[in-house]
Each structure stands twice: as structure tokens, then as C-alpha cells.
Amino acid sequence: MKLRITPLNFATTFFIVAAVYIWIYGAHIAGRPLETWSTTIGWIFLLFAAVVFFLDLIFRNFFAELKKLWIVELCFIALVTVIFLLVK
């Protein structure tokens, strides 16, 4: 099995690190700690990591070339970012 680094691998790693960080240090929004929500936010980040990991597997099956895979995944990340900013 070939190890292929993709943008969604970085996103999955970010979500896992964010979840662990929130579990260790707690969630803080605008300097105010959210003790009761830290576990929930950590689980949400782990759910995001699982979804992104699954999407990475799907994209790997559809696009065999690494260059096309990078382009598709970067476009997907850009699309999700634009939609997030529009909804926000």
C-alpha cells in the first residue's frame, strides 16, 4: 500500500489535534471557558475527523492520480470554506 499525503489528511489531523486539545485544556470562546461544553465540542471535532477521513477514502477511489486528487480535495476544501463563510 502506497502512502499518499493529501489535503484531507491534514484536515483530519487538524480535527483530531483540536479535539485532543479541547479535551485537555477545555474550550474557550472570547476568553470565557466553557466547562460544560468542552466534551461535546471535542466529540464534534472527532466526528468531523471521521467524516473527512471517509471523504478522503472516497476521493482516493475515484481519482487514481495524485495530482488530480490534490486538485479535487483542495477545491472541496475551498468550497466548504466558502459555504461556511456564507452561512456565517
Protein backbone atom coordinates (compact mmCIF):
# COMPACT_ATOMS: atom_id res chain seq x y z
CA MET A 1 0.00 0.00 0.00
CA LYS A 2 1.36 3.36 -1.05
CA LEU A 3 1.39 6.19 1.45
CA ARG A 4 -0.18 9.22 -0.22
CA ILE A 5 -0.33 12.52 1.61
CA THR A 6 -3.40 14.59 0.67
CA PRO A 7 -5.02 17.82 1.90
CA LEU A 8 -7.80 15.94 3.64
CA ASN A 9 -5.15 14.03 5.62
CA PHE A 10 -4.04 17.39 7.00
CA ALA A 11 -7.67 18.32 7.76
CA THR A 12 -8.24 15.03 9.58
CA THR A 13 -5.09 15.55 11.62
CA PHE A 14 -6.16 19.11 12.46
CA PHE A 15 -9.57 17.94 13.72
CA ILE A 16 -8.04 15.17 15.85
CA VAL A 17 -5.46 17.55 17.35
CA ALA A 18 -8.19 20.15 18.00
CA ALA A 19 -10.36 17.55 19.76
CA VAL A 20 -7.50 16.38 21.98
CA TYR A 21 -6.51 19.98 22.74
CA ILE A 22 -10.09 20.84 23.74
CA TRP A 23 -10.32 17.77 25.97
CA ILE A 24 -7.05 18.62 27.71
CA TYR A 25 -7.33 22.41 28.03
CA GLY A 26 -11.08 22.97 27.62
CA ALA A 27 -12.95 25.15 25.17
CA HIS A 28 -12.62 28.93 25.47
CA ILE A 29 -14.66 31.35 23.39
CA ALA A 30 -13.77 35.03 23.73
CA GLY A 31 -11.70 34.29 26.83
CA ARG A 32 -14.59 32.71 28.72
CA PRO A 33 -14.19 28.99 29.48
CA LEU A 34 -16.98 26.63 28.52
CA GLU A 35 -16.58 23.82 31.04
CA THR A 36 -19.88 22.12 30.30
CA TRP A 37 -19.42 22.12 26.52
CA SER A 38 -15.78 21.03 26.23
CA THR A 39 -16.55 17.31 25.92
CA THR A 40 -19.32 17.91 23.41
CA ILE A 41 -17.14 20.14 21.26
CA GLY A 42 -14.35 17.54 21.40
CA TRP A 43 -16.72 14.81 20.20
CA ILE A 44 -17.94 17.09 17.39
CA PHE A 45 -14.36 17.59 16.21
CA LEU A 46 -13.83 13.81 16.28
CA LEU A 47 -17.00 13.39 14.21
CA PHE A 48 -15.64 15.96 11.71
CA ALA A 49 -12.37 13.99 11.57
CA ALA A 50 -14.23 10.74 10.84
CA VAL A 51 -16.30 12.36 8.08
CA VAL A 52 -13.25 13.95 6.48
CA PHE A 53 -11.35 10.64 6.68
CA PHE A 54 -14.25 8.86 4.96
CA LEU A 55 -14.39 11.55 2.24
CA ASP A 56 -10.66 11.13 1.71
CA LEU A 57 -11.16 7.40 1.13
CA ILE A 58 -13.97 8.10 -1.34
CA PHE A 59 -11.89 10.65 -3.28
CA ARG A 60 -8.94 8.22 -3.37
CA ASN A 61 -11.14 5.59 -5.02
CA PHE A 62 -12.41 7.99 -7.69
CA PHE A 63 -9.12 9.72 -8.55
CA ALA A 64 -6.11 7.47 -9.03
CA GLU A 65 -3.60 10.18 -9.97
CA LEU A 66 -2.15 12.06 -7.03
CA LYS A 67 -2.17 15.42 -8.87
CA LYS A 68 -5.88 15.18 -9.70
CA LEU A 69 -6.60 14.03 -6.15
CA TRP A 70 -4.85 17.09 -4.71
CA ILE A 71 -6.75 19.43 -7.05
CA VAL A 72 -10.13 17.88 -6.25
CA GLU A 73 -9.51 17.85 -2.50
CA LEU A 74 -8.24 21.45 -2.46
CA CYS A 75 -11.30 22.53 -4.45
CA PHE A 76 -13.51 20.66 -1.98
CA ILE A 77 -11.85 22.40 0.97
CA ALA A 78 -12.24 25.78 -0.75
CA LEU A 79 -15.91 25.08 -1.47
CA VAL A 80 -16.61 24.07 2.12
CA THR A 81 -14.78 27.19 3.37
CA VAL A 82 -16.80 29.49 1.08
CA ILE A 83 -20.07 27.85 2.15
CA PHE A 84 -19.06 28.16 5.82
CA LEU A 85 -18.27 31.86 5.40
CA LEU A 86 -21.53 32.50 3.52
CA VAL A 87 -23.59 30.78 6.22
CA LYS A 88 -21.68 32.54 8.99
